N, C-alpha and C. Protein backbone atom coordinates (compact mmCIF):
# COMPACT_ATOMS: atom_id res chain seq x y z
N MET A 1 -22.61 4.93 -3.16
CA MET A 1 -21.58 4.63 -4.15
C MET A 1 -20.36 4.07 -3.43
N ALA A 2 -19.77 3.05 -3.97
CA ALA A 2 -18.61 2.41 -3.36
C ALA A 2 -17.38 3.31 -3.46
N LEU A 3 -16.55 3.27 -2.43
CA LEU A 3 -15.35 4.08 -2.38
C LEU A 3 -14.45 3.82 -3.59
N GLY A 4 -14.27 2.55 -3.94
CA GLY A 4 -13.42 2.21 -5.08
C GLY A 4 -13.93 2.80 -6.38
N SER A 5 -15.25 2.82 -6.56
CA SER A 5 -15.83 3.42 -7.76
C SER A 5 -15.57 4.91 -7.80
N ARG A 6 -15.67 5.56 -6.64
CA ARG A 6 -15.39 7.01 -6.60
C ARG A 6 -13.93 7.28 -6.92
N HIS A 7 -13.04 6.47 -6.34
CA HIS A 7 -11.62 6.65 -6.64
C HIS A 7 -11.35 6.45 -8.13
N ALA A 8 -11.92 5.42 -8.70
CA ALA A 8 -11.72 5.15 -10.13
C ALA A 8 -12.25 6.30 -10.98
N ALA A 9 -13.38 6.88 -10.57
CA ALA A 9 -13.96 8.00 -11.31
C ALA A 9 -13.03 9.22 -11.29
N HIS A 10 -12.20 9.31 -10.26
CA HIS A 10 -11.24 10.42 -10.16
C HIS A 10 -9.89 10.07 -10.76
N GLY A 11 -9.80 8.91 -11.39
CA GLY A 11 -8.56 8.51 -12.05
C GLY A 11 -7.55 7.81 -11.16
N VAL A 12 -7.96 7.41 -9.96
CA VAL A 12 -7.06 6.69 -9.06
C VAL A 12 -6.93 5.27 -9.58
N GLY A 13 -5.70 4.85 -9.81
CA GLY A 13 -5.45 3.52 -10.34
C GLY A 13 -4.63 2.68 -9.39
N GLU A 14 -4.35 1.47 -9.81
CA GLU A 14 -3.59 0.52 -8.99
C GLU A 14 -2.22 1.09 -8.62
N HIS A 15 -1.59 1.81 -9.55
CA HIS A 15 -0.27 2.40 -9.25
C HIS A 15 -0.34 3.39 -8.09
N ASP A 16 -1.49 4.07 -7.94
CA ASP A 16 -1.65 5.01 -6.83
C ASP A 16 -1.71 4.29 -5.49
N TYR A 17 -2.39 3.14 -5.47
CA TYR A 17 -2.44 2.34 -4.25
C TYR A 17 -1.06 1.83 -3.89
N LEU A 18 -0.30 1.42 -4.88
CA LEU A 18 1.06 0.93 -4.63
C LEU A 18 1.94 2.07 -4.11
N SER A 19 1.81 3.25 -4.68
CA SER A 19 2.59 4.40 -4.20
C SER A 19 2.24 4.74 -2.76
N ALA A 20 0.96 4.70 -2.44
CA ALA A 20 0.53 4.99 -1.07
C ALA A 20 1.07 3.94 -0.11
N ARG A 21 1.09 2.69 -0.54
CA ARG A 21 1.61 1.60 0.28
C ARG A 21 3.09 1.81 0.57
N ARG A 22 3.83 2.13 -0.48
CA ARG A 22 5.27 2.38 -0.31
C ARG A 22 5.52 3.56 0.62
N ALA A 23 4.75 4.62 0.45
CA ALA A 23 4.91 5.81 1.30
C ALA A 23 4.59 5.49 2.76
N LEU A 24 3.55 4.72 2.99
CA LEU A 24 3.19 4.35 4.36
C LEU A 24 4.30 3.54 5.01
N LEU A 25 4.79 2.51 4.33
CA LEU A 25 5.83 1.67 4.90
C LEU A 25 7.13 2.43 5.09
N TRP A 26 7.47 3.30 4.16
CA TRP A 26 8.67 4.12 4.27
C TRP A 26 8.58 5.04 5.48
N THR A 27 7.42 5.68 5.66
CA THR A 27 7.21 6.59 6.78
C THR A 27 7.27 5.85 8.11
N LEU A 28 6.60 4.71 8.18
CA LEU A 28 6.63 3.93 9.42
C LEU A 28 8.04 3.49 9.77
N GLU A 29 8.82 3.12 8.77
CA GLU A 29 10.20 2.73 9.03
C GLU A 29 10.98 3.89 9.62
N ARG A 30 10.79 5.08 9.08
CA ARG A 30 11.51 6.26 9.58
C ARG A 30 11.06 6.64 10.98
N VAL A 31 9.78 6.57 11.25
CA VAL A 31 9.25 6.98 12.55
C VAL A 31 9.54 5.95 13.64
N LEU A 32 9.38 4.68 13.32
CA LEU A 32 9.54 3.62 14.32
C LEU A 32 10.99 3.18 14.51
N GLY A 33 11.82 3.43 13.54
CA GLY A 33 13.23 3.05 13.65
C GLY A 33 13.40 1.56 13.89
N SER A 34 14.15 1.21 14.92
CA SER A 34 14.44 -0.20 15.19
C SER A 34 13.19 -0.99 15.61
N ALA A 35 12.14 -0.29 16.00
CA ALA A 35 10.89 -0.98 16.35
C ALA A 35 10.14 -1.46 15.10
N PHE A 36 10.59 -1.02 13.94
CA PHE A 36 9.97 -1.44 12.68
C PHE A 36 10.61 -2.76 12.25
N THR A 37 10.26 -3.79 12.96
CA THR A 37 10.81 -5.13 12.71
C THR A 37 10.15 -5.74 11.48
N PRO A 38 10.69 -6.83 10.96
CA PRO A 38 10.04 -7.49 9.83
C PRO A 38 8.60 -7.90 10.15
N GLU A 39 8.34 -8.28 11.38
CA GLU A 39 6.98 -8.67 11.76
C GLU A 39 6.04 -7.47 11.75
N VAL A 40 6.51 -6.33 12.26
CA VAL A 40 5.70 -5.10 12.26
C VAL A 40 5.45 -4.67 10.81
N ARG A 41 6.49 -4.72 10.00
CA ARG A 41 6.34 -4.35 8.59
C ARG A 41 5.30 -5.22 7.91
N GLU A 42 5.41 -6.52 8.11
CA GLU A 42 4.46 -7.44 7.47
C GLU A 42 3.04 -7.19 7.95
N SER A 43 2.88 -6.89 9.23
CA SER A 43 1.55 -6.60 9.77
C SER A 43 0.94 -5.36 9.13
N TRP A 44 1.72 -4.28 9.06
CA TRP A 44 1.22 -3.05 8.42
C TRP A 44 0.93 -3.29 6.94
N ALA A 45 1.81 -4.00 6.26
CA ALA A 45 1.60 -4.28 4.84
C ALA A 45 0.33 -5.09 4.64
N THR A 46 0.10 -6.06 5.50
CA THR A 46 -1.11 -6.89 5.40
C THR A 46 -2.36 -6.06 5.60
N VAL A 47 -2.35 -5.20 6.62
CA VAL A 47 -3.51 -4.34 6.88
C VAL A 47 -3.76 -3.42 5.69
N TYR A 48 -2.69 -2.81 5.18
CA TYR A 48 -2.86 -1.92 4.02
C TYR A 48 -3.42 -2.70 2.82
N ASP A 49 -2.87 -3.87 2.57
CA ASP A 49 -3.33 -4.68 1.44
C ASP A 49 -4.81 -5.03 1.57
N LEU A 50 -5.22 -5.38 2.78
CA LEU A 50 -6.64 -5.71 3.00
C LEU A 50 -7.53 -4.50 2.74
N LEU A 51 -7.15 -3.37 3.30
CA LEU A 51 -7.95 -2.16 3.11
C LEU A 51 -7.97 -1.72 1.64
N ALA A 52 -6.81 -1.70 1.03
CA ALA A 52 -6.74 -1.29 -0.37
C ALA A 52 -7.48 -2.28 -1.26
N GLY A 53 -7.37 -3.56 -0.93
CA GLY A 53 -8.08 -4.59 -1.71
C GLY A 53 -9.58 -4.39 -1.65
N HIS A 54 -10.09 -4.10 -0.46
CA HIS A 54 -11.53 -3.86 -0.32
C HIS A 54 -11.94 -2.58 -1.04
N THR A 55 -11.07 -1.59 -0.99
CA THR A 55 -11.37 -0.33 -1.67
C THR A 55 -11.41 -0.52 -3.17
N GLN A 56 -10.55 -1.39 -3.70
CA GLN A 56 -10.47 -1.59 -5.14
C GLN A 56 -11.46 -2.62 -5.67
N GLU A 57 -12.14 -3.35 -4.80
CA GLU A 57 -13.02 -4.42 -5.27
C GLU A 57 -13.93 -4.03 -6.43
N PRO A 58 -14.57 -2.87 -6.38
CA PRO A 58 -15.46 -2.54 -7.49
C PRO A 58 -14.73 -2.06 -8.75
N VAL A 59 -13.40 -1.92 -8.68
CA VAL A 59 -12.64 -1.43 -9.82
C VAL A 59 -12.28 -2.60 -10.73
N PRO A 60 -12.80 -2.63 -11.95
CA PRO A 60 -12.49 -3.74 -12.85
C PRO A 60 -10.98 -3.85 -13.10
N GLY A 61 -10.49 -5.05 -13.01
CA GLY A 61 -9.08 -5.30 -13.30
C GLY A 61 -8.13 -5.06 -12.14
N ALA A 62 -8.62 -4.60 -10.99
CA ALA A 62 -7.74 -4.35 -9.85
C ALA A 62 -7.21 -5.68 -9.33
N ARG A 63 -5.91 -5.71 -9.06
CA ARG A 63 -5.27 -6.93 -8.59
C ARG A 63 -4.34 -6.58 -7.43
N PHE A 64 -4.88 -6.30 -6.30
CA PHE A 64 -4.05 -5.93 -5.16
C PHE A 64 -3.90 -7.11 -4.23
N GLY A 65 -2.72 -7.33 -3.71
CA GLY A 65 -2.54 -8.44 -2.80
C GLY A 65 -1.10 -8.66 -2.41
N SER A 66 -0.78 -9.88 -2.07
CA SER A 66 0.51 -10.20 -1.49
C SER A 66 1.68 -9.98 -2.44
N ARG A 67 1.43 -9.88 -3.72
CA ARG A 67 2.56 -9.67 -4.63
C ARG A 67 3.22 -8.32 -4.40
N TYR A 68 2.59 -7.44 -3.61
CA TYR A 68 3.18 -6.15 -3.30
C TYR A 68 4.03 -6.19 -2.04
N LEU A 69 4.20 -7.33 -1.44
CA LEU A 69 5.04 -7.44 -0.25
C LEU A 69 6.50 -7.48 -0.67
N GLU A 70 7.01 -6.33 -1.03
CA GLU A 70 8.38 -6.22 -1.54
C GLU A 70 9.33 -5.87 -0.40
N PRO A 71 10.34 -6.68 -0.14
CA PRO A 71 11.29 -6.37 0.92
C PRO A 71 11.98 -5.03 0.73
N SER A 72 12.21 -4.61 -0.51
CA SER A 72 12.92 -3.37 -0.76
C SER A 72 12.11 -2.13 -0.40
N VAL A 73 10.81 -2.26 -0.26
CA VAL A 73 9.97 -1.11 0.03
C VAL A 73 10.35 -0.49 1.37
N ALA A 74 10.64 -1.31 2.37
CA ALA A 74 10.94 -0.80 3.70
C ALA A 74 12.22 0.01 3.74
N THR A 75 13.09 -0.18 2.76
CA THR A 75 14.35 0.54 2.77
C THR A 75 14.47 1.52 1.61
N CYS A 76 13.36 1.86 0.99
CA CYS A 76 13.41 2.80 -0.13
C CYS A 76 13.82 4.17 0.36
N THR A 77 14.34 4.99 -0.51
CA THR A 77 14.82 6.31 -0.14
C THR A 77 13.76 7.38 -0.33
N GLY A 78 12.60 7.00 -0.79
CA GLY A 78 11.54 7.96 -0.98
C GLY A 78 11.48 8.52 -2.38
N GLY A 79 12.46 8.23 -3.20
CA GLY A 79 12.50 8.79 -4.54
C GLY A 79 11.55 8.14 -5.53
N ASP A 80 11.02 6.96 -5.20
CA ASP A 80 10.18 6.29 -6.17
C ASP A 80 8.70 6.36 -5.82
N HIS A 81 8.30 7.30 -5.00
CA HIS A 81 6.87 7.46 -4.73
C HIS A 81 6.52 8.86 -4.68
């Protein structure tokens, strides 16, 4: 059974992937500090998008991709995830 199908069966939706993405980027920014450059951020975001995209492939209607590359995510305060 595909991972995306299992996630969907448990009620995991696109908003959950977005929340996980925001949490990952927020955490990396806090841990890496000044080493979390725009290039590092973009690299991590790209890797996450690729993995999440492959995970969601079997989920009908999933639309994960570059539209989630939000500059504000790296500076979020943690309150929106």
